[in-house]
Amino acid sequence: MKKILLVFALFLGVVQTQAQESNLQLKGTVADTVAQYVYLQKFHNKMFTTIDSAKVKDGNFSFKTKVKTPDLYGLSVNTESSPLYVFLEKDPITVKLSPKKYYTASVVEGSASQDLFEAYKKSKDVEISKFITENPKSIVSAYVLYRNWSYRLTPEQITQNIALLDKSLQNTTYVKELKELAVVLDGLAVGKKAPDFTANDPDGKPVRLYDNLKGYTLVDFWASWCGPCRKENPNIVAAYKEFHEKGFNIVGISLDKKKENWIKGIKDDNLTWTHVSDLLFWNSAVAKLYGVRAIPGNYLVDSKGIIVAKNLHGEELQSTLKRLLGQAN
């Protein structure tokens, strides 16, 4: 352990993790594209928003945008697709940007945070507490706890890992949102009452959750763009067909962005139950209310709104319904 800690310390050097606003020293080259612009995007809530663009001249681009560093940003030649994830710092950074294979051929030089992030992605069987302990001052630790681990941990585990982060990271957006999430999830434990909500169906009509509680209701979070959700949908359809007449109901909440994609997904997957969405992607008000950080995700609630189970997938959904409702005729 001591040897590992020393390696990471030498690897990162003296890292200033308190985000400071400064002019970027970011330049690079583009390959495998005829794009005329490179877009700089800011990360927030699993989404990227374009904050600047640079014209490509003779295959080169550069940014001197004033931004807060160190932090995660995106570089892209197309704002409609996922960008290259890059941790920017106040020091000069050079990027060889290639959109091939989701930017995996791109190379970032000059960012210690990026080097640590790449090392993290290549690691197997990562223990998040150990990773944070070895890198308590790195913005990467706060990010991966927020992005890759928050949906796997209990509220207590989230709080325990936050405490391992250096005090210089405690005011970052990642930590602030993790603290809020821990409070929300604590109120959503099995045995507690599910929050009521009202959202619009595909016809724009408001639907209230508590008006749809009959027997047992699956509050199901999904999206048409979510591959694992679409893979899980046949299992949910089968459960609905088998148990609906015995008291199983579903209210689907989509994290889609485009209405036409949402409606097509419902039709293509034969999802014949109640659906709502505010079409705000990860800014979904209902997803935030339920502490949803990954999809597919769900809560099973009884007729009084009490949560009886969470994140039931595959055979577990079927077996739980058989236990609660009995074998369908």
Protein backbone atom coordinates (compact mmCIF):
# COMPACT_ATOMS: atom_id res chain seq x y z
CA MET A 1 0.00 0.00 0.00
CA LYS A 2 2.78 2.47 0.94
CA LYS A 3 4.52 1.78 -2.35
CA ILE A 4 1.32 2.42 -4.31
CA LEU A 5 0.70 5.66 -2.46
CA LEU A 6 4.23 6.82 -3.23
CA VAL A 7 3.87 6.01 -6.91
CA PHE A 8 0.67 8.04 -7.19
CA ALA A 9 2.20 10.91 -5.24
CA LEU A 10 5.15 11.08 -7.63
CA PHE A 11 2.81 10.60 -10.56
CA LEU A 12 0.61 13.55 -9.67
CA GLY A 13 3.18 15.84 -8.16
CA VAL A 14 1.85 18.75 -6.16
CA VAL A 15 -1.73 19.06 -7.41
CA GLN A 16 -3.79 22.17 -6.77
CA THR A 17 -7.31 20.76 -6.58
CA GLN A 18 -9.13 23.94 -5.65
CA ALA A 19 -10.68 25.00 -8.96
CA GLN A 20 -9.45 28.38 -10.16
CA GLU A 21 -10.54 30.36 -13.18
CA SER A 22 -7.75 30.95 -15.67
CA ASN A 23 -7.11 31.16 -19.39
CA LEU A 24 -6.57 27.78 -20.98
CA GLN A 25 -3.33 26.91 -22.68
CA LEU A 26 -4.92 24.27 -24.86
CA LYS A 27 -3.89 23.45 -28.40
CA GLY A 28 -3.89 20.45 -30.65
CA THR A 29 -4.29 18.79 -34.01
CA VAL A 30 -7.22 16.96 -35.60
CA ALA A 31 -7.14 13.75 -37.61
CA ASP A 32 -9.59 11.43 -39.33
CA THR A 33 -12.11 14.23 -39.89
CA VAL A 34 -12.90 17.11 -42.24
CA ALA A 35 -14.52 19.08 -39.43
CA GLN A 36 -13.84 22.81 -39.51
CA TYR A 37 -14.37 23.44 -35.81
CA VAL A 38 -13.45 21.87 -32.49
CA TYR A 39 -15.93 22.45 -29.66
CA LEU A 40 -15.04 22.91 -26.00
CA GLN A 41 -17.75 21.57 -23.70
CA LYS A 42 -18.35 21.76 -19.94
CA PHE A 43 -19.46 18.66 -18.05
CA HIS A 44 -22.39 18.77 -15.65
CA ASN A 45 -24.86 16.09 -14.55
CA LYS A 46 -23.64 13.51 -17.08
CA MET A 47 -24.13 16.03 -19.91
CA PHE A 48 -21.89 18.34 -21.91
CA THR A 49 -22.72 21.93 -22.87
CA THR A 50 -20.72 23.78 -25.52
CA ILE A 51 -18.97 26.85 -24.13
CA ASP A 52 -16.59 27.76 -26.99
CA SER A 53 -15.37 26.72 -30.42
CA ALA A 54 -12.08 26.98 -32.29
CA LYS A 55 -11.65 27.00 -36.03
CA VAL A 56 -9.40 24.30 -37.45
CA LYS A 57 -6.59 25.83 -39.52
CA ASP A 58 -4.21 23.52 -41.37
CA GLY A 59 -5.20 20.73 -39.02
CA ASN A 60 -4.53 22.75 -35.86
CA PHE A 61 -6.73 24.34 -33.22
CA SER A 62 -6.23 26.23 -29.96
CA PHE A 63 -8.26 27.58 -27.04
CA LYS A 64 -7.50 30.38 -24.60
CA THR A 65 -10.95 30.31 -23.02
CA LYS A 66 -11.21 31.34 -19.37
CA VAL A 67 -12.48 28.32 -17.44
CA LYS A 68 -12.22 26.80 -14.00
CA THR A 69 -9.50 24.18 -13.65
CA PRO A 70 -8.79 21.46 -12.81
CA ASP A 71 -12.03 19.90 -14.00
CA LEU A 72 -13.57 17.67 -16.62
CA TYR A 73 -14.37 19.09 -20.05
CA GLY A 74 -15.20 17.66 -23.47
CA LEU A 75 -13.57 18.19 -26.86
CA SER A 76 -15.59 17.32 -29.91
CA VAL A 77 -15.91 17.92 -33.65
CA ASN A 78 -19.65 17.25 -33.46
CA THR A 79 -21.85 18.59 -30.67
CA GLU A 80 -24.47 15.89 -31.31
CA SER A 81 -22.19 13.05 -30.24
CA SER A 82 -20.25 12.23 -27.08
CA PRO A 83 -16.94 14.12 -26.85
CA LEU A 84 -13.46 13.19 -25.75
CA TYR A 85 -13.41 13.35 -21.95
CA VAL A 86 -10.43 15.47 -20.92
CA PHE A 87 -9.37 16.82 -17.54
CA LEU A 88 -8.03 20.30 -18.14
CA GLU A 89 -5.55 22.06 -15.90
CA LYS A 90 -3.93 25.50 -15.88
CA ASP A 91 -0.72 24.08 -17.36
CA PRO A 92 -0.24 23.82 -21.16
CA ILE A 93 -2.07 20.84 -22.65
CA THR A 94 -1.75 19.36 -26.13
CA VAL A 95 -4.36 17.11 -27.73
CA LYS A 96 -4.24 14.89 -30.78
CA LEU A 97 -7.97 14.73 -31.49
CA SER A 98 -9.48 11.92 -33.53
CA PRO A 99 -13.21 11.09 -33.51
CA LYS A 100 -12.57 7.49 -34.62
CA LYS A 101 -14.01 4.83 -32.33
CA TYR A 102 -15.51 7.37 -29.95
CA TYR A 103 -12.27 9.34 -29.64
CA THR A 104 -10.33 6.37 -28.28
CA ALA A 105 -7.48 7.12 -30.71
CA SER A 106 -7.04 10.61 -29.24
CA VAL A 107 -4.01 11.50 -27.11
CA VAL A 108 -3.84 14.10 -24.32
CA GLU A 109 -0.47 15.36 -23.04
CA GLY A 110 0.32 17.74 -20.20
CA SER A 111 -2.52 16.93 -17.79
CA ALA A 112 -1.63 14.88 -14.70
CA SER A 113 -5.34 14.54 -13.93
CA GLN A 114 -5.95 13.08 -17.38
CA ASP A 115 -3.10 10.61 -16.90
CA LEU A 116 -4.67 9.45 -13.64
CA PHE A 117 -8.10 9.20 -15.27
CA GLU A 118 -6.70 7.04 -18.09
CA ALA A 119 -4.96 4.83 -15.53
CA TYR A 120 -8.23 4.48 -13.61
CA LYS A 121 -10.11 3.41 -16.76
CA LYS A 122 -7.54 0.70 -17.46
CA SER A 123 -7.61 -0.63 -13.91
CA LYS A 124 -9.57 -3.75 -13.03
CA ASP A 125 -11.41 -4.47 -9.80
CA VAL A 126 -11.06 -0.89 -8.56
CA GLU A 127 -11.92 -0.33 -4.91
CA ILE A 128 -13.21 3.23 -4.81
CA SER A 129 -12.25 3.83 -1.18
CA LYS A 130 -8.70 2.67 -1.89
CA PHE A 131 -8.50 4.80 -5.02
CA ILE A 132 -9.61 7.90 -3.14
CA THR A 133 -7.23 7.18 -0.26
CA GLU A 134 -4.36 7.01 -2.74
CA ASN A 135 -5.48 10.17 -4.55
CA PRO A 136 -7.37 12.30 -2.00
CA LYS A 137 -6.55 15.67 -3.59
CA SER A 138 -7.25 14.78 -7.22
CA ILE A 139 -10.39 16.07 -8.94
CA VAL A 140 -10.49 12.66 -10.64
CA SER A 141 -11.32 11.00 -7.32
CA ALA A 142 -14.30 13.30 -6.78
CA TYR A 143 -15.45 12.78 -10.37
CA VAL A 144 -15.31 8.97 -10.45
CA LEU A 145 -17.05 8.75 -7.07
CA TYR A 146 -19.81 10.97 -8.47
CA ARG A 147 -20.00 9.51 -11.97
CA ASN A 148 -19.08 5.84 -11.66
CA TRP A 149 -19.87 4.87 -8.09
CA SER A 150 -22.77 6.93 -6.71
CA TYR A 151 -25.39 4.53 -8.09
CA ARG A 152 -23.62 1.48 -6.65
CA LEU A 153 -23.25 2.73 -3.08
CA THR A 154 -25.54 3.11 -0.11
CA PRO A 155 -26.05 6.58 1.37
CA GLU A 156 -23.69 5.60 4.21
CA GLN A 157 -21.00 4.46 1.78
CA ILE A 158 -21.30 7.67 -0.24
CA THR A 159 -20.82 9.73 2.93
CA GLN A 160 -17.87 7.59 4.04
CA ASN A 161 -16.10 8.05 0.70
CA ILE A 162 -16.74 11.79 0.66
CA ALA A 163 -14.93 11.97 4.00
CA LEU A 164 -11.84 10.42 2.38
CA LEU A 165 -11.55 13.32 -0.07
CA ASP A 166 -9.27 16.21 0.78
CA LYS A 167 -10.91 19.35 2.17
CA SER A 168 -9.91 21.19 -1.03
CA LEU A 169 -12.50 19.08 -2.91
CA GLN A 170 -15.37 19.49 -0.47
CA ASN A 171 -16.79 22.54 -2.25
CA THR A 172 -16.69 21.03 -5.74
CA THR A 173 -19.95 20.47 -7.59
CA TYR A 174 -19.33 16.71 -7.49
CA VAL A 175 -19.18 16.56 -3.70
CA LYS A 176 -22.07 18.96 -3.19
CA GLU A 177 -24.30 16.84 -5.41
CA LEU A 178 -23.11 13.62 -3.77
CA LYS A 179 -24.09 14.98 -0.37
CA GLU A 180 -27.54 15.88 -1.69
CA LEU A 181 -27.85 12.44 -3.30
CA ALA A 182 -27.01 10.67 -0.04
CA VAL A 183 -29.86 12.52 1.68
CA VAL A 184 -32.30 11.68 -1.13
CA LEU A 185 -31.34 7.99 -1.20
CA ASP A 186 -31.64 7.73 2.56
CA GLY A 187 -35.29 8.73 2.19
CA LEU A 188 -35.85 6.10 -0.49
CA ALA A 189 -34.95 2.99 1.46
CA VAL A 190 -37.19 -0.07 1.34
CA GLY A 191 -40.05 0.50 3.78
CA LYS A 192 -40.21 4.24 3.23
CA LYS A 193 -42.81 6.09 1.21
CA ALA A 194 -42.10 6.80 -2.44
CA PRO A 195 -42.29 10.48 -3.42
CA ASP A 196 -45.39 11.42 -5.37
CA PHE A 197 -45.00 13.31 -8.64
CA THR A 198 -46.94 14.55 -11.64
CA ALA A 199 -45.52 14.55 -15.17
CA ASN A 200 -46.87 14.63 -18.71
CA ASP A 201 -47.67 11.60 -20.84
CA PRO A 202 -46.92 11.48 -24.61
CA ASP A 203 -50.14 13.41 -25.29
CA GLY A 204 -49.12 16.18 -22.92
CA LYS A 205 -51.64 15.19 -20.26
CA PRO A 206 -50.50 15.29 -16.61
CA VAL A 207 -50.23 11.94 -14.85
CA ARG A 208 -49.96 11.64 -11.07
CA LEU A 209 -48.12 8.62 -9.71
CA TYR A 210 -50.40 8.10 -6.73
CA ASP A 211 -53.44 7.99 -9.03
CA ASN A 212 -51.87 4.91 -10.64
CA LEU A 213 -51.00 2.88 -7.56
CA LYS A 214 -52.86 -0.41 -7.89
CA GLY A 215 -51.57 -3.51 -6.16
CA TYR A 216 -47.87 -3.18 -6.86
CA THR A 217 -46.50 -0.53 -9.21
CA LEU A 218 -43.08 -0.49 -10.83
CA VAL A 219 -41.73 3.06 -11.10
CA ASP A 220 -39.46 2.34 -14.04
CA PHE A 221 -36.69 4.68 -15.27
CA TRP A 222 -35.47 4.15 -18.83
CA ALA A 223 -34.77 5.92 -22.15
CA SER A 224 -34.93 5.00 -25.82
CA TRP A 225 -31.20 5.82 -26.19
CA CYS A 226 -30.25 3.45 -23.34
CA GLY A 227 -29.03 0.12 -24.69
CA PRO A 228 -29.27 -1.79 -21.38
CA CYS A 229 -32.81 -0.43 -20.94
CA ARG A 230 -33.92 -1.69 -24.33
CA LYS A 231 -32.34 -5.06 -23.55
CA GLU A 232 -34.26 -5.24 -20.25
CA ASN A 233 -37.61 -4.15 -21.72
CA PRO A 234 -38.66 -7.63 -22.98
CA ASN A 235 -38.35 -8.94 -19.44
CA ILE A 236 -40.54 -6.13 -18.12
CA VAL A 237 -43.07 -6.74 -20.89
CA ALA A 238 -43.21 -10.44 -19.97
CA ALA A 239 -43.75 -9.58 -16.30
CA TYR A 240 -46.50 -7.12 -17.18
CA LYS A 241 -48.32 -9.66 -19.32
CA GLU A 242 -48.11 -12.32 -16.63
CA PHE A 243 -49.00 -10.24 -13.59
CA HIS A 244 -50.99 -7.21 -14.73
CA GLU A 245 -54.36 -8.91 -14.18
CA LYS A 246 -53.27 -9.87 -10.66
CA GLY A 247 -52.41 -6.30 -9.67
CA PHE A 248 -49.08 -5.37 -11.27
CA ASN A 249 -48.89 -1.88 -12.76
CA ILE A 250 -46.05 0.13 -14.34
CA VAL A 251 -45.37 3.83 -14.67
CA GLY A 252 -42.45 4.42 -17.03
CA ILE A 253 -40.34 7.57 -16.67
CA SER A 254 -38.19 8.30 -19.69
CA LEU A 255 -34.94 10.28 -19.66
CA ASP A 256 -35.26 10.94 -23.37
CA LYS A 257 -34.47 14.28 -25.00
CA LYS A 258 -36.57 13.99 -28.14
CA LYS A 259 -40.28 13.18 -28.05
CA GLU A 260 -40.25 11.30 -31.33
CA ASN A 261 -37.53 8.94 -30.07
CA TRP A 262 -39.41 8.37 -26.82
CA ILE A 263 -42.68 7.51 -28.60
CA LYS A 264 -40.90 5.26 -31.09
CA GLY A 265 -39.17 3.39 -28.28
CA ILE A 266 -42.50 2.80 -26.54
CA LYS A 267 -44.04 1.46 -29.74
CA ASP A 268 -41.06 -0.63 -30.88
CA ASP A 269 -40.68 -2.35 -27.50
CA ASN A 270 -44.44 -2.84 -27.01
CA LEU A 271 -44.53 -0.98 -23.70
CA THR A 272 -48.28 -0.87 -23.20
CA TRP A 273 -48.42 0.85 -19.81
CA THR A 274 -48.45 4.45 -18.54
CA HIS A 275 -45.54 6.65 -19.61
CA VAL A 276 -44.36 10.13 -18.62
CA SER A 277 -41.35 12.32 -19.35
CA ASP A 278 -40.25 15.95 -19.14
CA LEU A 279 -37.75 15.24 -21.97
CA LEU A 280 -34.91 16.79 -20.00
CA PHE A 281 -32.41 13.92 -20.23
CA TRP A 282 -30.42 13.71 -16.96
CA ASN A 283 -32.06 16.93 -15.77
CA SER A 284 -35.30 14.97 -15.35
CA ALA A 285 -37.07 16.27 -12.26
CA VAL A 286 -38.48 12.85 -11.41
CA ALA A 287 -35.07 11.16 -11.79
CA LYS A 288 -33.60 13.69 -9.36
CA LEU A 289 -36.51 13.15 -6.96
CA TYR A 290 -35.73 9.43 -6.93
CA GLY A 291 -31.94 9.76 -6.83
CA VAL A 292 -31.56 7.98 -10.19
CA ARG A 293 -27.94 8.10 -11.39
CA ALA A 294 -28.05 5.15 -13.79
CA ILE A 295 -30.66 3.46 -15.96
CA PRO A 296 -32.37 1.07 -16.18
CA GLY A 297 -33.46 1.61 -12.60
CA ASN A 298 -36.73 1.09 -10.77
CA TYR A 299 -38.67 1.10 -7.51
CA LEU A 300 -41.49 -1.32 -6.72
CA VAL A 301 -44.15 0.30 -4.50
CA ASP A 302 -47.36 -1.02 -2.98
CA SER A 303 -50.84 0.48 -3.18
CA LYS A 304 -50.05 2.85 -0.29
CA GLY A 305 -46.86 4.10 -1.92
CA ILE A 306 -44.49 2.16 0.32
CA ILE A 307 -41.25 1.03 -1.37
CA VAL A 308 -40.99 -2.76 -1.21
CA ALA A 309 -38.02 -3.34 -3.53
CA LYS A 310 -35.48 -1.49 -5.70
CA ASN A 311 -33.71 -2.15 -8.98
CA LEU A 312 -35.37 -5.43 -9.88
CA HIS A 313 -34.01 -6.79 -13.15
CA GLY A 314 -34.21 -10.04 -15.07
CA GLU A 315 -35.49 -13.05 -13.16
CA GLU A 316 -35.46 -11.09 -9.89
CA LEU A 317 -38.44 -9.04 -11.06
CA GLN A 318 -40.39 -12.17 -11.96
CA SER A 319 -39.57 -13.98 -8.71
CA THR A 320 -40.46 -10.94 -6.58
CA LEU A 321 -43.84 -10.58 -8.27
CA LYS A 322 -44.53 -14.29 -7.86
CA ARG A 323 -43.80 -13.98 -4.16
CA LEU A 324 -46.01 -10.89 -3.76
CA LEU A 325 -48.85 -11.71 -6.14
CA GLY A 326 -48.66 -15.47 -6.57
CA GLN A 327 -48.33 -17.47 -9.76
CA ALA A 328 -50.49 -15.97 -12.54
CA ASN A 329 -53.25 -18.16 -13.95
